[in-house]
C-alpha atoms as a PDB file:
ATOM      1  CA  MET A   1       0.604  27.534   1.847  1.00  0.00           C
ATOM      2  CA  ALA A   2      -2.730  25.835   1.142  1.00  0.00           C
ATOM      3  CA  ILE A   3      -4.635  28.234   3.391  1.00  0.00           C
ATOM      4  CA  SER A   4      -2.880  31.274   1.905  1.00  0.00           C
ATOM      5  CA  LEU A   5      -3.738  30.263  -1.659  1.00  0.00           C
ATOM      6  CA  LEU A   6      -7.348  29.431  -0.811  1.00  0.00           C
ATOM      7  CA  TYR A   7      -7.830  32.663   1.150  1.00  0.00           C
ATOM      8  CA  LYS A   8      -6.520  34.682  -1.789  1.00  0.00           C
ATOM      9  CA  ARG A   9      -9.098  32.988  -4.003  1.00  0.00           C
ATOM     10  CA  GLY A  10     -11.978  33.844  -1.720  1.00  0.00           C
ATOM     11  CA  PHE A  11     -12.549  30.561   0.112  1.00  0.00           C
ATOM     12  CA  ARG A  12     -13.633  30.915   3.738  1.00  0.00           C
ATOM     13  CA  LYS A  13     -14.614  27.331   4.661  1.00  0.00           C
ATOM     14  CA  VAL A  14     -12.071  24.508   4.585  1.00  0.00           C
ATOM     15  CA  ALA A  15     -12.201  20.859   5.597  1.00  0.00           C
ATOM     16  CA  VAL A  16      -9.556  18.187   5.955  1.00  0.00           C
ATOM     17  CA  PRO A  17      -9.444  14.437   6.608  1.00  0.00           C
ATOM     18  CA  SER A  18      -6.414  13.741   8.751  1.00  0.00           C
ATOM     19  CA  ASN A  19      -4.706  11.312  11.075  1.00  0.00           C
ATOM     20  CA  GLY A  20      -3.615  14.249  13.202  1.00  0.00           C
ATOM     21  CA  ASN A  21      -0.876  16.681  12.214  1.00  0.00           C
ATOM     22  CA  ALA A  22      -2.513  18.111   9.081  1.00  0.00           C
ATOM     23  CA  ALA A  23      -5.630  18.681  11.172  1.00  0.00           C
ATOM     24  CA  SER A  24      -3.662  20.722  13.720  1.00  0.00           C
ATOM     25  CA  ALA A  25      -1.973  22.754  10.997  1.00  0.00           C
ATOM     26  CA  LEU A  26      -5.174  23.448   9.097  1.00  0.00           C
ATOM     27  CA  ALA A  27      -6.964  24.481  12.287  1.00  0.00           C
ATOM     28  CA  ALA A  28      -4.140  26.834  13.272  1.00  0.00           C
ATOM     29  CA  TYR A  29      -3.707  28.601   9.945  1.00  0.00           C
ATOM     30  CA  ALA A  30      -7.441  28.763   9.228  1.00  0.00           C
ATOM     31  CA  GLY A  31      -7.940  30.327  12.652  1.00  0.00           C
ATOM     32  CA  ARG A  32      -5.267  32.929  11.919  1.00  0.00           C
ATOM     33  CA  ALA A  33      -6.879  33.687   8.547  1.00  0.00           C
ATOM     34  CA  GLY A  34     -10.366  33.990  10.019  1.00  0.00           C
ATOM     35  CA  MET A  35     -11.577  30.971   8.036  1.00  0.00           C
ATOM     36  CA  HIS A  36     -13.981  28.318   9.281  1.00  0.00           C
ATOM     37  CA  ALA A  37     -12.238  24.925   9.592  1.00  0.00           C
ATOM     38  CA  TYR A  38     -13.847  21.485   9.745  1.00  0.00           C
ATOM     39  CA  VAL A  39     -11.622  18.615  10.852  1.00  0.00           C
ATOM     40  CA  PHE A  40     -12.526  14.939  10.389  1.00  0.00           C
ATOM     41  CA  VAL A  41     -10.233  12.425  12.090  1.00  0.00           C
ATOM     42  CA  PRO A  42     -10.406   8.681  12.826  1.00  0.00           C
ATOM     43  CA  LYS A  43     -12.020   7.837  16.151  1.00  0.00           C
ATOM     44  CA  ASP A  44      -8.701   6.729  17.629  1.00  0.00           C
ATOM     45  CA  CYS A  45      -6.864   9.947  16.702  1.00  0.00           C
ATOM     46  CA  PRO A  46      -4.698  11.033  19.663  1.00  0.00           C
ATOM     47  CA  GLY A  47      -6.796  13.147  22.012  1.00  0.00           C
ATOM     48  CA  ILE A  48      -4.173  15.856  22.437  1.00  0.00           C
ATOM     49  CA  ILE A  49      -4.372  16.575  18.709  1.00  0.00           C
ATOM     50  CA  ILE A  50      -8.169  16.836  18.947  1.00  0.00           C
ATOM     51  CA  GLU A  51      -7.877  19.249  21.866  1.00  0.00           C
ATOM     52  CA  GLU A  52      -5.320  21.289  19.937  1.00  0.00           C
ATOM     53  CA  CYS A  53      -7.655  21.623  16.945  1.00  0.00           C
ATOM     54  CA  LEU A  54     -10.457  22.746  19.248  1.00  0.00           C
ATOM     55  CA  GLN A  55      -8.251  25.392  20.820  1.00  0.00           C
ATOM     56  CA  TYR A  56      -7.531  26.773  17.346  1.00  0.00           C
ATOM     57  CA  GLY A  57     -11.277  27.130  16.820  1.00  0.00           C
ATOM     58  CA  ALA A  58     -11.963  24.263  14.419  1.00  0.00           C
ATOM     59  CA  GLU A  59     -15.065  22.084  14.415  1.00  0.00           C
ATOM     60  CA  VAL A  60     -13.832  18.542  15.044  1.00  0.00           C
ATOM     61  CA  TYR A  61     -15.558  15.250  14.252  1.00  0.00           C
ATOM     62  CA  ARG A  62     -14.309  11.776  15.017  1.00  0.00           C
ATOM     63  CA  VAL A  63     -15.093   9.217  12.334  1.00  0.00           C
ATOM     64  CA  GLU A  64     -15.907   5.550  12.760  1.00  0.00           C
ATOM     65  CA  GLY A  65     -13.285   4.356  10.297  1.00  0.00           C
ATOM     66  CA  LEU A  66      -9.957   5.429   8.808  1.00  0.00           C
ATOM     67  CA  ILE A  67      -8.704   8.526   7.029  1.00  0.00           C
ATOM     68  CA  HIS A  68     -10.299   7.636   3.687  1.00  0.00           C
ATOM     69  CA  ASP A  69     -13.662   7.290   5.433  1.00  0.00           C
ATOM     70  CA  ALA A  70     -13.180  10.800   6.810  1.00  0.00           C
ATOM     71  CA  GLY A  71     -12.330  11.999   3.321  1.00  0.00           C
ATOM     72  CA  GLN A  72     -15.525  10.504   1.916  1.00  0.00           C
ATOM     73  CA  ILE A  73     -17.624  12.500   4.382  1.00  0.00           C
ATOM     74  CA  ILE A  74     -15.972  15.700   3.179  1.00  0.00           C
ATOM     75  CA  GLU A  75     -16.539  14.790  -0.460  1.00  0.00           C
ATOM     76  CA  ASP A  76     -20.184  13.913   0.191  1.00  0.00           C
ATOM     77  CA  GLY A  77     -20.781  17.293   1.791  1.00  0.00           C
ATOM     78  CA  LYS A  78     -18.671  19.663  -0.305  1.00  0.00           C
ATOM     79  CA  MET A  79     -21.496  20.876  -2.568  1.00  0.00           C
ATOM     80  CA  GLU A  80     -23.954  21.478   0.241  1.00  0.00           C
ATOM     81  CA  GLN A  81     -21.467  22.874   2.741  1.00  0.00           C
ATOM     82  CA  GLN A  82     -19.366  24.810   0.219  1.00  0.00           C
ATOM     83  CA  TRP A  83     -16.186  23.876   2.022  1.00  0.00           C
ATOM     84  CA  PHE A  84     -12.932  23.234   0.171  1.00  0.00           C
ATOM     85  CA  ASN A  85     -11.332  19.839   0.673  1.00  0.00           C
ATOM     86  CA  VAL A  86      -7.722  20.455   1.725  1.00  0.00           C
ATOM     87  CA  GLY A  87      -6.922  16.729   1.822  1.00  0.00           C
ATOM     88  CA  THR A  88      -3.647  15.384   0.449  1.00  0.00           C
ATOM     89  CA  LEU A  89      -3.165  16.230  -3.259  1.00  0.00           C
ATOM     90  CA  ARG A  90      -6.600  17.881  -3.497  1.00  0.00           C
ATOM     91  CA  GLU A  91      -5.007  21.264  -4.261  1.00  0.00           C
ATOM     92  CA  PRO A  92      -1.479  22.495  -5.081  1.00  0.00           C
ATOM     93  CA  GLY A  93      -0.735  24.411  -1.899  1.00  0.00           C
ATOM     94  CA  ARG A  94       0.245  21.551   0.367  1.00  0.00           C
ATOM     95  CA  VAL A  95       2.813  20.132  -2.075  1.00  0.00           C
ATOM     96  CA  GLU A  96       4.216  23.626  -2.654  1.00  0.00           C
ATOM     97  CA  GLY A  97       4.502  23.998   1.102  1.00  0.00           C
ATOM     98  CA  LYS A  98       6.222  20.632   1.453  1.00  0.00           C
ATOM     99  CA  LYS A  99       8.600  21.712  -1.299  1.00  0.00           C
ATOM    100  CA  THR A 100      10.174  24.244   1.055  1.00  0.00           C
ATOM    101  CA  MET A 101      11.718  21.322   2.967  1.00  0.00           C
ATOM    102  CA  GLY A 102      13.815  20.532  -0.100  1.00  0.00           C
ATOM    103  CA  LEU A 103      14.719  24.168  -0.714  1.00  0.00           C
ATOM    104  CA  GLU A 104      15.819  24.720   2.890  1.00  0.00           C
ATOM    105  CA  LEU A 105      17.734  21.452   2.930  1.00  0.00           C
ATOM    106  CA  ALA A 106      19.728  22.430  -0.170  1.00  0.00           C
ATOM    107  CA  GLU A 107      20.413  25.898   1.243  1.00  0.00           C
ATOM    108  CA  GLN A 108      21.551  24.561   4.618  1.00  0.00           C
ATOM    109  CA  LEU A 109      23.900  22.085   2.890  1.00  0.00           C
ATOM    110  CA  ASN A 110      25.470  24.894   0.824  1.00  0.00           C
ATOM    111  CA  TRP A 111      23.607  23.929  -2.368  1.00  0.00           C
ATOM    112  CA  THR A 112      24.554  20.309  -2.314  1.00  0.00           C
ATOM    113  CA  LEU A 113      22.164  17.438  -1.795  1.00  0.00           C
ATOM    114  CA  PRO A 114      22.535  14.459   0.549  1.00  0.00           C
ATOM    115  CA  ASP A 115      22.944  10.943  -0.767  1.00  0.00           C
ATOM    116  CA  VAL A 116      19.830   9.616   0.950  1.00  0.00           C
ATOM    117  CA  ILE A 117      16.652  11.083   2.448  1.00  0.00           C
ATOM    118  CA  ILE A 118      14.415   8.958   4.677  1.00  0.00           C
ATOM    119  CA  TYR A 119      10.891  10.290   4.962  1.00  0.00           C
ATOM    120  CA  PRO A 120       7.743   8.995   6.707  1.00  0.00           C
ATOM    121  CA  THR A 121       5.116   8.218   4.099  1.00  0.00           C
ATOM    122  CA  GLY A 122       1.369   8.090   4.592  1.00  0.00           C
ATOM    123  CA  GLY A 123      -0.327  10.222   1.948  1.00  0.00           C
ATOM    124  CA  GLY A 124       3.086  10.928   0.430  1.00  0.00           C
ATOM    125  CA  SER A 125       2.938  14.675  -0.199  1.00  0.00           C
ATOM    126  CA  GLY A 126       6.305  15.098   1.545  1.00  0.00           C
ATOM    127  CA  ILE A 127       8.078  12.768  -0.879  1.00  0.00           C
ATOM    128  CA  ILE A 128       6.386  14.507  -3.809  1.00  0.00           C
ATOM    129  CA  GLY A 129       7.290  17.963  -2.509  1.00  0.00           C
ATOM    130  CA  LEU A 130      10.955  17.070  -1.989  1.00  0.00           C
ATOM    131  CA  TRP A 131      11.199  15.510  -5.450  1.00  0.00           C
ATOM    132  CA  LYS A 132       9.595  18.578  -7.051  1.00  0.00           C
ATOM    133  CA  ALA A 133      11.920  20.947  -5.208  1.00  0.00           C
ATOM    134  CA  PHE A 134      15.052  19.094  -6.286  1.00  0.00           C
ATOM    135  CA  HIS A 135      13.988  18.993  -9.942  1.00  0.00           C
ATOM    136  CA  GLU A 136      13.296  22.734  -9.883  1.00  0.00           C
ATOM    137  CA  LEU A 137      16.642  23.460  -8.230  1.00  0.00           C
ATOM    138  CA  LYS A 138      18.415  21.424 -10.913  1.00  0.00           C
ATOM    139  CA  ALA A 139      16.520  23.267 -13.656  1.00  0.00           C
ATOM    140  CA  LEU A 140      17.661  26.574 -12.129  1.00  0.00           C
ATOM    141  CA  GLY A 141      21.244  25.324 -12.037  1.00  0.00           C
ATOM    142  CA  TRP A 142      21.465  25.807  -8.269  1.00  0.00           C
ATOM    143  CA  VAL A 143      22.331  22.150  -7.593  1.00  0.00           C
ATOM    144  CA  LYS A 144      24.033  19.541  -9.724  1.00  0.00           C
ATOM    145  CA  GLY A 145      24.400  15.788  -9.796  1.00  0.00           C
ATOM    146  CA  ASP A 146      22.013  13.009  -8.985  1.00  0.00           C
ATOM    147  CA  LEU A 147      18.933  13.446  -6.872  1.00  0.00           C
ATOM    148  CA  PRO A 148      19.084  11.932  -3.387  1.00  0.00           C
ATOM    149  CA  ARG A 149      17.813   8.389  -3.090  1.00  0.00           C
ATOM    150  CA  LEU A 150      14.391   8.912  -1.560  1.00  0.00           C
ATOM    151  CA  VAL A 151      13.326   6.281   0.950  1.00  0.00           C
ATOM    152  CA  SER A 152       9.714   5.946   2.055  1.00  0.00           C
ATOM    153  CA  PHE A 153       9.056   4.097   5.233  1.00  0.00           C
ATOM    154  CA  GLN A 154       5.761   2.835   6.551  1.00  0.00           C
ATOM    155  CA  GLU A 155       4.647   0.838   9.541  1.00  0.00           C
ATOM    156  CA  LYS A 156       3.977  -2.859   9.148  1.00  0.00           C
ATOM    157  CA  GLY A 157       0.240  -3.345   9.137  1.00  0.00           C
ATOM    158  CA  CYS A 158      -0.387  -0.514   6.650  1.00  0.00           C
ATOM    159  CA  ASP A 159       2.314  -0.423   3.982  1.00  0.00           C
ATOM    160  CA  PRO A 160       0.812  -0.217   0.453  1.00  0.00           C
ATOM    161  CA  ILE A 161       3.837   1.664  -0.944  1.00  0.00           C
ATOM    162  CA  VAL A 162       6.263  -0.950   0.396  1.00  0.00           C
ATOM    163  CA  GLN A 163       4.164  -3.753  -1.042  1.00  0.00           C
ATOM    164  CA  ALA A 164       4.086  -2.084  -4.480  1.00  0.00           C
ATOM    165  CA  ILE A 165       7.870  -1.674  -4.526  1.00  0.00           C
ATOM    166  CA  GLU A 166       8.389  -5.277  -3.462  1.00  0.00           C
ATOM    167  CA  ARG A 167       5.941  -6.568  -6.099  1.00  0.00           C
ATOM    168  CA  GLY A 168       7.337  -4.340  -8.817  1.00  0.00           C
ATOM    169  CA  GLY A 169       3.825  -3.224  -9.756  1.00  0.00           C
ATOM    170  CA  PRO A 170       1.277  -0.496  -9.040  1.00  0.00           C
ATOM    171  CA  VAL A 171      -0.062   0.427  -5.633  1.00  0.00           C
ATOM    172  CA  ILE A 172      -2.990  -1.669  -4.473  1.00  0.00           C
ATOM    173  CA  SER A 173      -5.104   0.012  -1.804  1.00  0.00           C
ATOM    174  CA  LEU A 174      -5.536  -1.985   1.377  1.00  0.00           C
ATOM    175  CA  SER A 175      -9.107  -2.797   2.340  1.00  0.00           C
ATOM    176  CA  ASN A 176      -8.707  -4.927   5.457  1.00  0.00           C
ATOM    177  CA  GLY A 177      -6.177  -6.175   7.971  1.00  0.00           C
ATOM    178  CA  ILE A 178      -5.034  -2.654   8.917  1.00  0.00           C
ATOM    179  CA  SER A 179      -3.194  -3.051  12.217  1.00  0.00           C
ATOM    180  CA  SER A 180      -0.757  -0.122  12.408  1.00  0.00           C
ATOM    181  CA  MET A 181      -0.857   2.608  15.053  1.00  0.00           C
ATOM    182  CA  PRO A 182      -3.133   5.666  14.612  1.00  0.00           C
ATOM    183  CA  THR A 183      -0.468   7.950  13.153  1.00  0.00           C
ATOM    184  CA  GLY A 184       0.142   9.827   9.928  1.00  0.00           C
ATOM    185  CA  LEU A 185       1.597   6.631   8.464  1.00  0.00           C
ATOM    186  CA  ARG A 186      -1.785   4.894   8.486  1.00  0.00           C
ATOM    187  CA  VAL A 187      -3.061   5.659   4.986  1.00  0.00           C
ATOM    188  CA  PRO A 188      -4.359   2.481   3.297  1.00  0.00           C
ATOM    189  CA  HIS A 189      -5.441   4.394   0.160  1.00  0.00           C
ATOM    190  CA  PRO A 190      -2.632   6.845  -0.774  1.00  0.00           C
ATOM    191  CA  PRO A 191      -4.202   9.533  -3.006  1.00  0.00           C
ATOM    192  CA  ASP A 192      -1.464   9.188  -5.652  1.00  0.00           C
ATOM    193  CA  GLY A 193       0.469   6.139  -4.565  1.00  0.00           C
ATOM    194  CA  ASN A 194       1.693   5.355  -8.062  1.00  0.00           C
ATOM    195  CA  LEU A 195       3.375   8.758  -8.343  1.00  0.00           C
ATOM    196  CA  ILE A 196       5.180   8.072  -5.066  1.00  0.00           C
ATOM    197  CA  VAL A 197       6.327   4.675  -6.319  1.00  0.00           C
ATOM    198  CA  SER A 198       7.550   6.192  -9.587  1.00  0.00           C
ATOM    199  CA  ILE A 199       9.556   8.795  -7.639  1.00  0.00           C
ATOM    200  CA  LEU A 200      11.196   6.114  -5.500  1.00  0.00           C
ATOM    201  CA  ARG A 201      12.123   4.159  -8.623  1.00  0.00           C
ATOM    202  CA  GLU A 202      13.368   7.251 -10.469  1.00  0.00           C
ATOM    203  CA  THR A 203      15.736   8.133  -7.613  1.00  0.00           C
ATOM    204  CA  ASN A 204      16.855   4.518  -7.068  1.00  0.00           C
ATOM    205  CA  GLY A 205      15.276   4.793  -3.656  1.00  0.00           C
ATOM    206  CA  ALA A 206      13.470   2.231  -1.548  1.00  0.00           C
ATOM    207  CA  ALA A 207      10.479   1.586   0.650  1.00  0.00           C
ATOM    208  CA  VAL A 208      10.848   0.069   4.097  1.00  0.00           C
ATOM    209  CA  ALA A 209       8.278  -1.247   6.576  1.00  0.00           C
ATOM    210  CA  VAL A 210       9.209  -1.227  10.246  1.00  0.00           C
ATOM    211  CA  SER A 211       7.438  -2.784  13.197  1.00  0.00           C
ATOM    212  CA  GLN A 212       5.648  -0.999  16.024  1.00  0.00           C
ATOM    213  CA  ALA A 213       8.238  -2.370  18.447  1.00  0.00           C
ATOM    214  CA  ASP A 214      11.080  -0.934  16.356  1.00  0.00           C
ATOM    215  CA  ILE A 215       9.340   2.448  16.222  1.00  0.00           C
ATOM    216  CA  LYS A 216       8.898   2.578  19.993  1.00  0.00           C
ATOM    217  CA  ALA A 217      12.506   1.535  20.566  1.00  0.00           C
ATOM    218  CA  ALA A 218      13.659   4.261  18.171  1.00  0.00           C
ATOM    219  CA  GLN A 219      11.633   6.856  20.112  1.00  0.00           C
ATOM    220  CA  VAL A 220      13.531   5.916  23.272  1.00  0.00           C
ATOM    221  CA  THR A 221      16.874   6.074  21.476  1.00  0.00           C
ATOM    222  CA  LEU A 222      16.176   9.522  20.033  1.00  0.00           C
ATOM    223  CA  GLY A 223      14.889  10.665  23.412  1.00  0.00           C
ATOM    224  CA  THR A 224      18.257   9.894  24.999  1.00  0.00           C
ATOM    225  CA  GLU A 225      19.755  12.270  22.416  1.00  0.00           C
ATOM    226  CA  GLY A 226      17.367  15.024  23.486  1.00  0.00           C
ATOM    227  CA  ILE A 227      15.055  14.637  20.486  1.00  0.00           C
ATOM    228  CA  SER A 228      11.309  14.355  21.035  1.00  0.00           C
ATOM    229  CA  SER A 229       9.971  12.391  18.090  1.00  0.00           C
ATOM    230  CA  SER A 230       6.547  11.311  16.949  1.00  0.00           C
ATOM    231  CA  PRO A 231       6.111   7.675  15.918  1.00  0.00           C
ATOM    232  CA  GLU A 232       6.442   8.821  12.303  1.00  0.00           C
ATOM    233  CA  GLY A 233       9.661  10.677  13.044  1.00  0.00           C
ATOM    234  CA  SER A 234      11.261   7.988  15.166  1.00  0.00           C
ATOM    235  CA  ALA A 235      10.521   5.423  12.489  1.00  0.00           C
ATOM    236  CA  THR A 236      13.059   7.190  10.248  1.00  0.00           C
ATOM    237  CA  TRP A 237      15.742   6.105  12.724  1.00  0.00           C
ATOM    238  CA  ALA A 238      14.395   2.561  12.735  1.00  0.00           C
ATOM    239  CA  ALA A 239      14.401   2.578   8.933  1.00  0.00           C
ATOM    240  CA  LEU A 240      17.990   3.872   8.864  1.00  0.00           C
ATOM    241  CA  LEU A 241      19.145   1.030  11.107  1.00  0.00           C
ATOM    242  CA  HIS A 242      17.334  -1.469   8.894  1.00  0.00           C
ATOM    243  CA  LEU A 243      18.917  -0.090   5.705  1.00  0.00           C
ATOM    244  CA  CYS A 244      22.399  -0.079   7.275  1.00  0.00           C
ATOM    245  CA  ASP A 245      21.974  -3.687   8.393  1.00  0.00           C
ATOM    246  CA  GLN A 246      20.880  -4.662   4.874  1.00  0.00           C
ATOM    247  CA  GLY A 247      23.756  -2.811   3.195  1.00  0.00           C
ATOM    248  CA  GLY A 248      21.422  -0.240   1.624  1.00  0.00           C
ATOM    249  CA  ILE A 249      23.458   2.696   2.947  1.00  0.00           C
ATOM    250  CA  ALA A 250      27.241   2.926   2.865  1.00  0.00           C
ATOM    251  CA  PRO A 251      29.201   4.246   5.888  1.00  0.00           C
ATOM    252  CA  ASN A 252      30.441   7.305   3.970  1.00  0.00           C
ATOM    253  CA  GLU A 253      27.039   8.400   2.648  1.00  0.00           C
ATOM    254  CA  SER A 254      25.214  11.476   3.927  1.00  0.00           C
ATOM    255  CA  VAL A 255      21.701  10.760   5.155  1.00  0.00           C
ATOM    256  CA  VAL A 256      18.884  13.117   6.213  1.00  0.00           C
ATOM    257  CA  LEU A 257      16.018  11.985   8.438  1.00  0.00           C
ATOM    258  CA  PHE A 258      12.810  13.976   8.820  1.00  0.00           C
ATOM    259  CA  ASN A 259      11.005  14.098  12.159  1.00  0.00           C
ATOM    260  CA  THR A 260       7.505  15.348  11.451  1.00  0.00           C
ATOM    261  CA  SER A 261       5.989  15.952  14.897  1.00  0.00           C
ATOM    262  CA  HIS A 262       6.641  16.359  18.611  1.00  0.00           C
ATOM    263  CA  GLY A 263       6.314  13.161  20.609  1.00  0.00           C
ATOM    264  CA  ILE A 264       4.126  14.715  23.314  1.00  0.00           C
ATOM    265  CA  LYS A 265       1.211  14.861  20.856  1.00  0.00           C
ATOM    266  CA  TYR A 266       0.975  11.093  21.143  1.00  0.00           C
ATOM    267  CA  LEU A 267       0.807  10.762  24.905  1.00  0.00           C
ATOM    268  CA  PRO A 268      -2.346   9.068  26.275  1.00  0.00           C
ATOM    269  CA  TRP A 269      -5.160  11.590  26.634  1.00  0.00           C
ATOM    270  CA  ASN A 270      -8.917  11.413  26.966  1.00  0.00           C
ATOM    271  CA  PRO A 271     -10.451  13.439  24.134  1.00  0.00           C
ATOM    272  CA  THR A 272     -13.279  15.835  24.879  1.00  0.00           C
ATOM    273  CA  GLU A 273     -16.383  13.736  25.434  1.00  0.00           C
ATOM    274  CA  THR A 274     -18.561  16.248  23.625  1.00  0.00           C
ATOM    275  CA  ILE A 275     -16.886  15.416  20.312  1.00  0.00           C
ATOM    276  CA  LYS A 276     -19.404  13.461  18.270  1.00  0.00           C
ATOM    277  CA  THR A 277     -18.357  10.261  16.500  1.00  0.00           C
ATOM    278  CA  ILE A 278     -19.981   9.905  13.083  1.00  0.00           C
ATOM    279  CA  ARG A 279     -20.030   7.352  10.283  1.00  0.00           C
ATOM    280  CA  SER A 280     -21.328   9.373   7.342  1.00  0.00           C
ATOM    281  CA  TYR A 281     -22.248  12.792   6.043  1.00  0.00           C
ATOM    282  CA  THR A 282     -25.849  12.072   6.956  1.00  0.00           C
ATOM    283  CA  GLU A 283     -24.827  11.724  10.599  1.00  0.00           C
ATOM    284  CA  PHE A 284     -22.846  14.929  10.291  1.00  0.00           C
ATOM    285  CA  MET A 285     -26.001  16.735   9.165  1.00  0.00           C
ATOM    286  CA  ASN A 286     -27.960  15.202  12.054  1.00  0.00           C
ATOM    287  CA  ARG A 287     -25.413  16.223  14.688  1.00  0.00           C
END
């Protein structure tokens, strides 16, 4: 959706900071549209994702730092390079695209909504898109009743949304002590964390942090059911178990889990050695 809207408006160069999956998607759709894509990912981004972006024709740069450091490089270069920053909540297309998850969910459930939705939350555009879709469906009169309780889950070691919910205050960006895995959940500075928190509170939802061990165990469990899940996706199962143990979900409630990527993307892989690792826009220019 983002690429379609930007293409229609005449943009031909796009850039994205990403932990992985958004980079793959941007590279693929930009390639199909004949647009030039620049992808900036943390140095420890899974190598298979880097290779995938390269195969779609994107220019890929590993960054010495985290996703917000990658985003800063794009911001520093946007005037000179004339690329459009397609990072989370930088333009309307990605949220509108995420919104289709809510529309399809309502359609597939015969225009009813589940009691609970558990969604992996890094930048949070998925939560925002679902919430927007449900409000629009209610305004159209296509669904009735309460919105689903939206549950964000994050990995322990990078959980600013969980900490805000537990404190009862605003989101405080994390500046050190980040120890979570290099996945889409690792976003220490959510672009609009306070909107996410307000959505969780509005829907009487929750935020849950799960451990790396729980995530890996959940991947194995889902695998035995024939489901290949990314760490982000398998963590929804771990979060469900946690909420059931804590009495946060009743036995008769309907619950939807979102699995956001195929598990094979996260297998060990040596990224292409020719990919340059940079720290700043200056190093990008000196590549």
